[in-house]
PDB file of all heavy atoms in Angstrom:
ATOM      1  N   VAL A   1       3.445  31.795 -47.661  1.00  0.00           N
ATOM      2  CA  VAL A   1       3.575  30.368 -48.000  1.00  0.00           C
ATOM      3  C   VAL A   1       4.648  30.262 -49.068  1.00  0.00           C
ATOM      4  O   VAL A   1       4.636  30.985 -50.070  1.00  0.00           O
ATOM      5  CB  VAL A   1       2.230  29.780 -48.503  1.00  0.00           C
ATOM      6  CG1 VAL A   1       2.453  28.394 -49.136  1.00  0.00           C
ATOM      7  CG2 VAL A   1       1.244  29.713 -47.407  1.00  0.00           C
ATOM      8  N   ARG A   2       5.647  29.354 -48.848  1.00  0.00           N
ATOM      9  CA  ARG A   2       6.783  29.230 -49.713  1.00  0.00           C
ATOM     10  C   ARG A   2       7.024  27.756 -50.057  1.00  0.00           C
ATOM     11  O   ARG A   2       6.718  26.881 -49.274  1.00  0.00           O
ATOM     12  CB  ARG A   2       8.057  29.708 -49.042  1.00  0.00           C
ATOM     13  CG  ARG A   2       8.049  31.120 -48.605  1.00  0.00           C
ATOM     14  CD  ARG A   2       9.285  31.451 -47.842  1.00  0.00           C
ATOM     15  NE  ARG A   2       9.413  32.888 -47.723  1.00  0.00           N
ATOM     16  CZ  ARG A   2      10.400  33.515 -47.160  1.00  0.00           C
ATOM     17  NH1 ARG A   2      11.427  32.824 -46.644  1.00  0.00           N
ATOM     18  NH2 ARG A   2      10.438  34.817 -47.107  1.00  0.00           N
ATOM     19  N   THR A   3       7.686  27.553 -51.169  1.00  0.00           N
ATOM     20  CA  THR A   3       8.299  26.269 -51.491  1.00  0.00           C
ATOM     21  C   THR A   3       7.219  25.131 -51.350  1.00  0.00           C
ATOM     22  O   THR A   3       7.520  24.081 -50.838  1.00  0.00           O
ATOM     23  CB  THR A   3       9.512  25.968 -50.564  1.00  0.00           C
ATOM     24  OG1 THR A   3      10.275  27.131 -50.449  1.00  0.00           O
ATOM     25  CG2 THR A   3      10.398  24.934 -51.202  1.00  0.00           C
ATOM     26  N   LEU A   4       6.033  25.372 -51.827  1.00  0.00           N
ATOM     27  CA  LEU A   4       5.011  24.321 -51.843  1.00  0.00           C
ATOM     28  C   LEU A   4       5.170  23.473 -53.096  1.00  0.00           C
ATOM     29  O   LEU A   4       5.133  23.930 -54.185  1.00  0.00           O
ATOM     30  CB  LEU A   4       3.617  24.953 -51.843  1.00  0.00           C
ATOM     31  CG  LEU A   4       2.390  24.077 -51.705  1.00  0.00           C
ATOM     32  CD1 LEU A   4       2.450  23.293 -50.434  1.00  0.00           C
ATOM     33  CD2 LEU A   4       1.139  24.885 -51.794  1.00  0.00           C
ATOM     34  N   ALA A   5       5.504  22.203 -52.845  1.00  0.00           N
ATOM     35  CA  ALA A   5       5.795  21.288 -53.962  1.00  0.00           C
ATOM     36  C   ALA A   5       5.301  19.894 -53.644  1.00  0.00           C
ATOM     37  O   ALA A   5       5.343  19.464 -52.492  1.00  0.00           O
ATOM     38  CB  ALA A   5       7.302  21.232 -54.243  1.00  0.00           C
ATOM     39  N   VAL A   6       4.845  19.187 -54.663  1.00  0.00           N
ATOM     40  CA  VAL A   6       4.410  17.791 -54.576  1.00  0.00           C
ATOM     41  C   VAL A   6       5.122  16.992 -55.618  1.00  0.00           C
ATOM     42  O   VAL A   6       5.280  17.452 -56.785  1.00  0.00           O
ATOM     43  CB  VAL A   6       2.837  17.715 -54.769  1.00  0.00           C
ATOM     44  CG1 VAL A   6       2.385  16.284 -54.811  1.00  0.00           C
ATOM     45  CG2 VAL A   6       2.142  18.517 -53.672  1.00  0.00           C
ATOM     46  N   ASP A   7       5.531  15.849 -55.246  1.00  0.00           N
ATOM     47  CA  ASP A   7       6.147  14.884 -56.176  1.00  0.00           C
ATOM     48  C   ASP A   7       5.220  14.723 -57.377  1.00  0.00           C
ATOM     49  O   ASP A   7       4.057  14.413 -57.264  1.00  0.00           O
ATOM     50  CB  ASP A   7       6.364  13.486 -55.494  1.00  0.00           C
ATOM     51  CG  ASP A   7       7.016  12.463 -56.349  1.00  0.00           C
ATOM     52  OD1 ASP A   7       6.762  12.419 -57.574  1.00  0.00           O
ATOM     53  OD2 ASP A   7       7.802  11.688 -55.782  1.00  0.00           O
ATOM     54  N   PRO A   8       5.735  14.963 -58.599  1.00  0.00           N
ATOM     55  CA  PRO A   8       4.904  14.849 -59.801  1.00  0.00           C
ATOM     56  C   PRO A   8       4.150  13.522 -59.920  1.00  0.00           C
ATOM     57  O   PRO A   8       3.057  13.468 -60.416  1.00  0.00           O
ATOM     58  CB  PRO A   8       5.863  15.054 -60.963  1.00  0.00           C
ATOM     59  CG  PRO A   8       7.023  15.756 -60.389  1.00  0.00           C
ATOM     60  CD  PRO A   8       7.124  15.306 -58.960  1.00  0.00           C
ATOM     61  N   ASP A   9       4.732  12.468 -59.407  1.00  0.00           N
ATOM     62  CA  ASP A   9       4.121  11.138 -59.454  1.00  0.00           C
ATOM     63  C   ASP A   9       2.856  11.102 -58.540  1.00  0.00           C
ATOM     64  O   ASP A   9       2.059  10.211 -58.661  1.00  0.00           O
ATOM     65  CB  ASP A   9       5.072  10.008 -59.061  1.00  0.00           C
ATOM     66  CG  ASP A   9       6.171   9.809 -60.051  1.00  0.00           C
ATOM     67  OD1 ASP A   9       6.011  10.196 -61.264  1.00  0.00           O
ATOM     68  OD2 ASP A   9       7.216   9.318 -59.707  1.00  0.00           O
ATOM     69  N   MET A  10       2.777  12.017 -57.617  1.00  0.00           N
ATOM     70  CA  MET A  10       1.663  12.047 -56.642  1.00  0.00           C
ATOM     71  C   MET A  10       0.771  13.205 -56.911  1.00  0.00           C
ATOM     72  O   MET A  10      -0.244  13.450 -56.104  1.00  0.00           O
ATOM     73  CB  MET A  10       2.230  12.207 -55.211  1.00  0.00           C
ATOM     74  CG  MET A  10       3.124  11.007 -54.811  1.00  0.00           C
ATOM     75  SD  MET A  10       2.231   9.491 -54.648  1.00  0.00           S
ATOM     76  CE  MET A  10       1.364   9.805 -53.125  1.00  0.00           C
ATOM     77  N   ALA A  11       0.911  13.924 -57.972  1.00  0.00           N
ATOM     78  CA  ALA A  11       0.051  15.075 -58.337  1.00  0.00           C
ATOM     79  C   ALA A  11      -1.387  14.692 -58.507  1.00  0.00           C
ATOM     80  O   ALA A  11      -1.663  13.545 -58.916  1.00  0.00           O
ATOM     81  CB  ALA A  11       0.578  15.750 -59.573  1.00  0.00           C
ATOM     82  N   GLY A  12      -2.288  15.586 -58.173  1.00  0.00           N
ATOM     83  CA  GLY A  12      -3.686  15.336 -58.390  1.00  0.00           C
ATOM     84  C   GLY A  12      -4.413  14.538 -57.283  1.00  0.00           C
ATOM     85  O   GLY A  12      -5.545  14.159 -57.406  1.00  0.00           O
ATOM     86  N   ARG A  13      -3.687  14.300 -56.223  1.00  0.00           N
ATOM     87  CA  ARG A  13      -4.256  13.506 -55.125  1.00  0.00           C
ATOM     88  C   ARG A  13      -4.596  14.357 -53.903  1.00  0.00           C
ATOM     89  O   ARG A  13      -4.958  13.817 -52.835  1.00  0.00           O
ATOM     90  CB  ARG A  13      -3.273  12.430 -54.678  1.00  0.00           C
ATOM     91  CG  ARG A  13      -2.966  11.458 -55.809  1.00  0.00           C
ATOM     92  CD  ARG A  13      -2.052  10.365 -55.323  1.00  0.00           C
ATOM     93  NE  ARG A  13      -1.630   9.548 -56.483  1.00  0.00           N
ATOM     94  CZ  ARG A  13      -1.072   8.406 -56.352  1.00  0.00           C
ATOM     95  NH1 ARG A  13      -0.839   7.842 -55.160  1.00  0.00           N
ATOM     96  NH2 ARG A  13      -0.671   7.761 -57.434  1.00  0.00           N
ATOM     97  N   GLY A  14      -4.538  15.664 -54.040  1.00  0.00           N
ATOM     98  CA  GLY A  14      -4.910  16.607 -52.959  1.00  0.00           C
ATOM     99  C   GLY A  14      -3.805  16.873 -51.941  1.00  0.00           C
ATOM    100  O   GLY A  14      -4.052  17.544 -50.907  1.00  0.00           O
ATOM    101  N   ILE A  15      -2.627  16.384 -52.244  1.00  0.00           N
ATOM    102  CA  ILE A  15      -1.507  16.571 -51.257  1.00  0.00           C
ATOM    103  C   ILE A  15      -1.203  18.069 -51.080  1.00  0.00           C
ATOM    104  O   ILE A  15      -0.995  18.549 -50.010  1.00  0.00           O
ATOM    105  CB  ILE A  15      -0.299  15.755 -51.679  1.00  0.00           C
ATOM    106  CG1 ILE A  15      -0.640  14.258 -51.615  1.00  0.00           C
ATOM    107  CG2 ILE A  15       0.919  16.091 -50.752  1.00  0.00           C
ATOM    108  CD1 ILE A  15       0.420  13.359 -52.281  1.00  0.00           C
ATOM    109  N   GLY A  16      -1.115  18.817 -52.214  1.00  0.00           N
ATOM    110  CA  GLY A  16      -0.847  20.214 -52.114  1.00  0.00           C
ATOM    111  C   GLY A  16      -1.910  20.914 -51.321  1.00  0.00           C
ATOM    112  O   GLY A  16      -1.583  21.834 -50.539  1.00  0.00           O
ATOM    113  N   SER A  17      -3.156  20.555 -51.490  1.00  0.00           N
ATOM    114  CA  SER A  17      -4.241  21.212 -50.738  1.00  0.00           C
ATOM    115  C   SER A  17      -4.102  20.935 -49.248  1.00  0.00           C
ATOM    116  O   SER A  17      -4.318  21.801 -48.418  1.00  0.00           O
ATOM    117  CB  SER A  17      -5.586  20.746 -51.230  1.00  0.00           C
ATOM    118  OG  SER A  17      -5.828  21.240 -52.543  1.00  0.00           O
ATOM    119  N   VAL A  18      -3.801  19.687 -48.880  1.00  0.00           N
ATOM    120  CA  VAL A  18      -3.659  19.350 -47.479  1.00  0.00           C
ATOM    121  C   VAL A  18      -2.483  20.078 -46.860  1.00  0.00           C
ATOM    122  O   VAL A  18      -2.522  20.590 -45.781  1.00  0.00           O
ATOM    123  CB  VAL A  18      -3.493  17.810 -47.293  1.00  0.00           C
ATOM    124  CG1 VAL A  18      -3.196  17.441 -45.866  1.00  0.00           C
ATOM    125  CG2 VAL A  18      -4.791  17.108 -47.762  1.00  0.00           C
ATOM    126  N   LEU A  19      -1.350  20.147 -47.608  1.00  0.00           N
ATOM    127  CA  LEU A  19      -0.203  20.905 -47.131  1.00  0.00           C
ATOM    128  C   LEU A  19      -0.569  22.359 -46.934  1.00  0.00           C
ATOM    129  O   LEU A  19      -0.216  22.981 -45.883  1.00  0.00           O
ATOM    130  CB  LEU A  19       0.966  20.782 -48.071  1.00  0.00           C
ATOM    131  CG  LEU A  19       1.897  19.572 -47.895  1.00  0.00           C
ATOM    132  CD1 LEU A  19       2.751  19.398 -49.116  1.00  0.00           C
ATOM    133  CD2 LEU A  19       2.730  19.719 -46.649  1.00  0.00           C
ATOM    134  N   LEU A  20      -1.162  22.994 -47.924  1.00  0.00           N
ATOM    135  CA  LEU A  20      -1.504  24.411 -47.843  1.00  0.00           C
ATOM    136  C   LEU A  20      -2.503  24.706 -46.672  1.00  0.00           C
ATOM    137  O   LEU A  20      -2.273  25.638 -45.934  1.00  0.00           O
ATOM    138  CB  LEU A  20      -2.126  24.897 -49.157  1.00  0.00           C
ATOM    139  CG  LEU A  20      -2.516  26.409 -49.216  1.00  0.00           C
ATOM    140  CD1 LEU A  20      -1.335  27.277 -48.864  1.00  0.00           C
ATOM    141  CD2 LEU A  20      -3.104  26.724 -50.534  1.00  0.00           C
ATOM    142  N   THR A  21      -3.432  23.811 -46.442  1.00  0.00           N
ATOM    143  CA  THR A  21      -4.384  23.974 -45.315  1.00  0.00           C
ATOM    144  C   THR A  21      -3.585  23.928 -43.992  1.00  0.00           C
ATOM    145  O   THR A  21      -3.821  24.756 -43.110  1.00  0.00           O
ATOM    146  CB  THR A  21      -5.460  22.871 -45.328  1.00  0.00           C
ATOM    147  OG1 THR A  21      -6.179  23.030 -46.533  1.00  0.00           O
ATOM    148  CG2 THR A  21      -6.355  22.981 -44.144  1.00  0.00           C
ATOM    149  N   ALA A  22      -2.622  22.980 -43.878  1.00  0.00           N
ATOM    150  CA  ALA A  22      -1.819  22.908 -42.657  1.00  0.00           C
ATOM    151  C   ALA A  22      -0.922  24.124 -42.494  1.00  0.00           C
ATOM    152  O   ALA A  22      -0.739  24.645 -41.368  1.00  0.00           O
ATOM    153  CB  ALA A  22      -0.963  21.627 -42.719  1.00  0.00           C
ATOM    154  N   LEU A  23      -0.403  24.698 -43.548  1.00  0.00           N
ATOM    155  CA  LEU A  23       0.396  25.850 -43.507  1.00  0.00           C
ATOM    156  C   LEU A  23      -0.435  27.078 -43.068  1.00  0.00           C
ATOM    157  O   LEU A  23      -0.006  27.927 -42.270  1.00  0.00           O
ATOM    158  CB  LEU A  23       1.114  26.160 -44.828  1.00  0.00           C
ATOM    159  CG  LEU A  23       2.215  25.129 -45.212  1.00  0.00           C
ATOM    160  CD1 LEU A  23       2.630  25.294 -46.653  1.00  0.00           C
ATOM    161  CD2 LEU A  23       3.397  25.230 -44.259  1.00  0.00           C
ATOM    162  N   MET A  24      -1.670  27.173 -43.614  1.00  0.00           N
ATOM    163  CA  MET A  24      -2.596  28.230 -43.209  1.00  0.00           C
ATOM    164  C   MET A  24      -2.965  28.114 -41.722  1.00  0.00           C
ATOM    165  O   MET A  24      -3.127  29.132 -41.011  1.00  0.00           O
ATOM    166  CB  MET A  24      -3.820  28.254 -44.099  1.00  0.00           C
ATOM    167  CG  MET A  24      -3.480  28.431 -45.580  1.00  0.00           C
ATOM    168  SD  MET A  24      -2.833  30.035 -45.955  1.00  0.00           S
ATOM    169  CE  MET A  24      -4.321  30.925 -46.227  1.00  0.00           C
ATOM    170  N   ASP A  25      -3.113  26.855 -41.251  1.00  0.00           N
ATOM    171  CA  ASP A  25      -3.304  26.670 -39.796  1.00  0.00           C
ATOM    172  C   ASP A  25      -2.189  27.187 -39.008  1.00  0.00           C
ATOM    173  O   ASP A  25      -2.383  27.776 -37.911  1.00  0.00           O
ATOM    174  CB  ASP A  25      -3.615  25.176 -39.556  1.00  0.00           C
ATOM    175  CG  ASP A  25      -4.922  24.682 -40.051  1.00  0.00           C
ATOM    176  OD1 ASP A  25      -5.812  25.540 -40.377  1.00  0.00           O
ATOM    177  OD2 ASP A  25      -5.098  23.451 -40.156  1.00  0.00           O
ATOM    178  N   ARG A  26      -0.945  26.968 -39.490  1.00  0.00           N
ATOM    179  CA  ARG A  26       0.182  27.517 -38.793  1.00  0.00           C
ATOM    180  C   ARG A  26       0.114  29.024 -38.706  1.00  0.00           C
ATOM    181  O   ARG A  26       0.497  29.628 -37.710  1.00  0.00           O
ATOM    182  CB  ARG A  26       1.515  27.076 -39.492  1.00  0.00           C
ATOM    183  CG  ARG A  26       2.006  25.773 -39.101  1.00  0.00           C
ATOM    184  CD  ARG A  26       3.436  25.603 -39.650  1.00  0.00           C
ATOM    185  NE  ARG A  26       4.033  24.505 -38.940  1.00  0.00           N
ATOM    186  CZ  ARG A  26       5.337  24.183 -39.055  1.00  0.00           C
ATOM    187  NH1 ARG A  26       6.120  24.805 -39.919  1.00  0.00           N
ATOM    188  NH2 ARG A  26       5.811  23.128 -38.429  1.00  0.00           N
ATOM    189  N   ALA A  27      -0.247  29.640 -39.796  1.00  0.00           N
ATOM    190  CA  ALA A  27      -0.370  31.083 -39.860  1.00  0.00           C
ATOM    191  C   ALA A  27      -1.366  31.567 -38.762  1.00  0.00           C
ATOM    192  O   ALA A  27      -1.069  32.502 -38.045  1.00  0.00           O
ATOM    193  CB  ALA A  27      -0.830  31.531 -41.240  1.00  0.00           C
ATOM    194  N   ARG A  28      -2.520  30.918 -38.720  1.00  0.00           N
ATOM    195  CA  ARG A  28      -3.508  31.320 -37.748  1.00  0.00           C
ATOM    196  C   ARG A  28      -2.953  31.147 -36.290  1.00  0.00           C
ATOM    197  O   ARG A  28      -3.162  31.952 -35.427  1.00  0.00           O
ATOM    198  CB  ARG A  28      -4.756  30.407 -37.864  1.00  0.00           C
ATOM    199  CG  ARG A  28      -5.654  30.835 -39.056  1.00  0.00           C
ATOM    200  CD  ARG A  28      -6.883  29.991 -39.102  1.00  0.00           C
ATOM    201  NE  ARG A  28      -7.572  30.150 -40.401  1.00  0.00           N
ATOM    202  CZ  ARG A  28      -7.292  29.365 -41.453  1.00  0.00           C
ATOM    203  NH1 ARG A  28      -6.387  28.405 -41.415  1.00  0.00           N
ATOM    204  NH2 ARG A  28      -7.899  29.642 -42.578  1.00  0.00           N
ATOM    205  N   ALA A  29      -2.247  30.038 -36.103  1.00  0.00           N
ATOM    206  CA  ALA A  29      -1.710  29.730 -34.754  1.00  0.00           C
ATOM    207  C   ALA A  29      -0.792  30.773 -34.266  1.00  0.00           C
ATOM    208  O   ALA A  29      -0.676  30.999 -33.030  1.00  0.00           O
ATOM    209  CB  ALA A  29      -1.069  28.290 -34.779  1.00  0.00           C
ATOM    210  N   VAL A  30      -0.003  31.397 -35.141  1.00  0.00           N
ATOM    211  CA  VAL A  30       0.935  32.389 -34.673  1.00  0.00           C
ATOM    212  C   VAL A  30       0.382  33.806 -34.732  1.00  0.00           C
ATOM    213  O   VAL A  30       1.061  34.809 -34.452  1.00  0.00           O
ATOM    214  CB  VAL A  30       2.321  32.363 -35.452  1.00  0.00           C
ATOM    215  CG1 VAL A  30       2.993  30.995 -35.233  1.00  0.00           C
ATOM    216  CG2 VAL A  30       2.122  32.619 -36.920  1.00  0.00           C
ATOM    217  N   GLY A  31      -0.861  33.949 -35.188  1.00  0.00           N
ATOM    218  CA  GLY A  31      -1.575  35.257 -35.159  1.00  0.00           C
ATOM    219  C   GLY A  31      -1.486  36.059 -36.463  1.00  0.00           C
ATOM    220  O   GLY A  31      -1.885  37.190 -36.501  1.00  0.00           O
ATOM    221  N   VAL A  32      -1.029  35.473 -37.513  1.00  0.00           N
ATOM    222  CA  VAL A  32      -0.974  36.090 -38.807  1.00  0.00           C
ATOM    223  C   VAL A  32      -2.380  36.176 -39.352  1.00  0.00           C
ATOM    224  O   VAL A  32      -3.140  35.226 -39.279  1.00  0.00           O
ATOM    225  CB  VAL A  32      -0.015  35.390 -39.766  1.00  0.00           C
ATOM    226  CG1 VAL A  32      -0.158  35.830 -41.182  1.00  0.00           C
ATOM    227  CG2 VAL A  32       1.408  35.476 -39.298  1.00  0.00           C
ATOM    228  N   GLN A  33      -2.707  37.310 -39.978  1.00  0.00           N
ATOM    229  CA  GLN A  33      -4.037  37.513 -40.529  1.00  0.00           C
ATOM    230  C   GLN A  33      -4.097  37.530 -42.024  1.00  0.00           C
ATOM    231  O   GLN A  33      -5.152  37.429 -42.656  1.00  0.00           O
ATOM    232  CB  GLN A  33      -4.624  38.802 -39.981  1.00  0.00           C
ATOM    233  CG  GLN A  33      -4.800  38.758 -38.474  1.00  0.00           C
ATOM    234  CD  GLN A  33      -4.731  40.149 -37.851  1.00  0.00           C
ATOM    235  OE1 GLN A  33      -4.485  41.139 -38.493  1.00  0.00           O
ATOM    236  NE2 GLN A  33      -4.900  40.169 -36.523  1.00  0.00           N
ATOM    237  N   ARG A  34      -2.920  37.699 -42.679  1.00  0.00           N
ATOM    238  CA  ARG A  34      -2.852  37.682 -44.152  1.00  0.00           C
ATOM    239  C   ARG A  34      -1.691  36.827 -44.558  1.00  0.00           C
ATOM    240  O   ARG A  34      -0.632  36.884 -43.934  1.00  0.00           O
ATOM    241  CB  ARG A  34      -2.619  39.188 -44.673  1.00  0.00           C
ATOM    242  CG  ARG A  34      -3.790  40.066 -44.274  1.00  0.00           C
ATOM    243  CD  ARG A  34      -3.578  41.489 -44.720  1.00  0.00           C
ATOM    244  NE  ARG A  34      -2.314  42.054 -44.171  1.00  0.00           N
ATOM    245  CZ  ARG A  34      -1.602  42.997 -44.775  1.00  0.00           C
ATOM    246  NH1 ARG A  34      -1.956  43.552 -45.885  1.00  0.00           N
ATOM    247  NH2 ARG A  34      -0.523  43.447 -44.170  1.00  0.00           N
ATOM    248  N   VAL A  35      -1.880  36.079 -45.617  1.00  0.00           N
ATOM    249  CA  VAL A  35      -0.852  35.178 -46.102  1.00  0.00           C
ATOM    250  C   VAL A  35      -0.609  35.507 -47.596  1.00  0.00           C
ATOM    251  O   VAL A  35      -1.559  35.493 -48.410  1.00  0.00           O
ATOM    252  CB  VAL A  35      -1.254  33.723 -45.936  1.00  0.00           C
ATOM    253  CG1 VAL A  35      -0.192  32.804 -46.516  1.00  0.00           C
ATOM    254  CG2 VAL A  35      -1.501  33.399 -44.480  1.00  0.00           C
ATOM    255  N   PHE A  36       0.594  35.722 -47.904  1.00  0.00           N
ATOM    256  CA  PHE A  36       1.064  36.049 -49.253  1.00  0.00           C
ATOM    257  C   PHE A  36       1.641  34.853 -49.936  1.00  0.00           C
ATOM    258  O   PHE A  36       2.235  33.950 -49.240  1.00  0.00           O
ATOM    259  CB  PHE A  36       2.141  37.138 -49.176  1.00  0.00           C
ATOM    260  CG  PHE A  36       2.838  37.478 -50.446  1.00  0.00           C
ATOM    261  CD1 PHE A  36       2.262  38.271 -51.404  1.00  0.00           C
ATOM    262  CD2 PHE A  36       4.168  37.026 -50.638  1.00  0.00           C
ATOM    263  CE1 PHE A  36       2.960  38.570 -52.545  1.00  0.00           C
ATOM    264  CE2 PHE A  36       4.848  37.340 -51.813  1.00  0.00           C
ATOM    265  CZ  PHE A  36       4.236  38.124 -52.754  1.00  0.00           C
ATOM    266  N   CYS A  37       1.587  34.743 -51.282  1.00  0.00           N
ATOM    267  CA  CYS A  37       2.363  33.797 -52.012  1.00  0.00           C
ATOM    268  C   CYS A  37       2.698  34.404 -53.396  1.00  0.00           C
ATOM    269  O   CYS A  37       2.019  35.299 -53.883  1.00  0.00           O
ATOM    270  CB  CYS A  37       1.685  32.473 -52.187  1.00  0.00           C
ATOM    271  SG  CYS A  37       0.245  32.490 -53.320  1.00  0.00           S
ATOM    272  N   LEU A  38       3.782  33.945 -53.935  1.00  0.00           N
ATOM    273  CA  LEU A  38       4.254  34.287 -55.301  1.00  0.00           C
ATOM    274  C   LEU A  38       4.234  33.044 -56.085  1.00  0.00           C
ATOM    275  O   LEU A  38       4.925  32.095 -55.738  1.00  0.00           O
ATOM    276  CB  LEU A  38       5.658  34.901 -55.162  1.00  0.00           C
ATOM    277  CG  LEU A  38       6.247  35.554 -56.416  1.00  0.00           C
ATOM    278  CD1 LEU A  38       5.485  36.801 -56.773  1.00  0.00           C
ATOM    279  CD2 LEU A  38       7.721  35.895 -56.107  1.00  0.00           C
ATOM    280  N   THR A  39       3.381  33.025 -57.116  1.00  0.00           N
ATOM    281  CA  THR A  39       3.112  31.668 -57.738  1.00  0.00           C
ATOM    282  C   THR A  39       2.755  31.799 -59.234  1.00  0.00           C
ATOM    283  O   THR A  39       2.279  32.830 -59.697  1.00  0.00           O
ATOM    284  CB  THR A  39       2.008  31.003 -57.000  1.00  0.00           C
ATOM    285  OG1 THR A  39       1.834  29.651 -57.517  1.00  0.00           O
ATOM    286  CG2 THR A  39       0.650  31.716 -57.080  1.00  0.00           C
ATOM    287  N   PHE A  40       2.903  30.670 -59.900  1.00  0.00           N
ATOM    288  CA  PHE A  40       2.402  30.511 -61.248  1.00  0.00           C
ATOM    289  C   PHE A  40       1.072  29.738 -61.193  1.00  0.00           C
ATOM    290  O   PHE A  40       0.284  29.704 -62.111  1.00  0.00           O
ATOM    291  CB  PHE A  40       3.364  29.671 -62.128  1.00  0.00           C
ATOM    292  CG  PHE A  40       4.556  30.430 -62.533  1.00  0.00           C
ATOM    293  CD1 PHE A  40       5.798  30.146 -61.932  1.00  0.00           C
ATOM    294  CD2 PHE A  40       4.511  31.430 -63.465  1.00  0.00           C
ATOM    295  CE1 PHE A  40       6.917  30.879 -62.264  1.00  0.00           C
ATOM    296  CE2 PHE A  40       5.702  32.093 -63.865  1.00  0.00           C
ATOM    297  CZ  PHE A  40       6.858  31.843 -63.248  1.00  0.00           C
ATOM    298  N   ALA A  41       0.831  29.065 -60.006  1.00  0.00           N
ATOM    299  CA  ALA A  41      -0.347  28.215 -59.826  1.00  0.00           C
ATOM    300  C   ALA A  41      -1.553  28.972 -59.310  1.00  0.00           C
ATOM    301  O   ALA A  41      -2.130  28.682 -58.320  1.00  0.00           O
ATOM    302  CB  ALA A  41       0.008  27.048 -58.900  1.00  0.00           C
TER     303      ALA A  41
END
């Protein structure tokens, strides 16, 4: 998972979580079993 970002004016509304869930769904759809990220969060 890369480049996950939410407009600061929209922070705290769950947008990052919804995006991450959708990205994880993409991972499952292509057969990936492990997902890496490099983060401060």
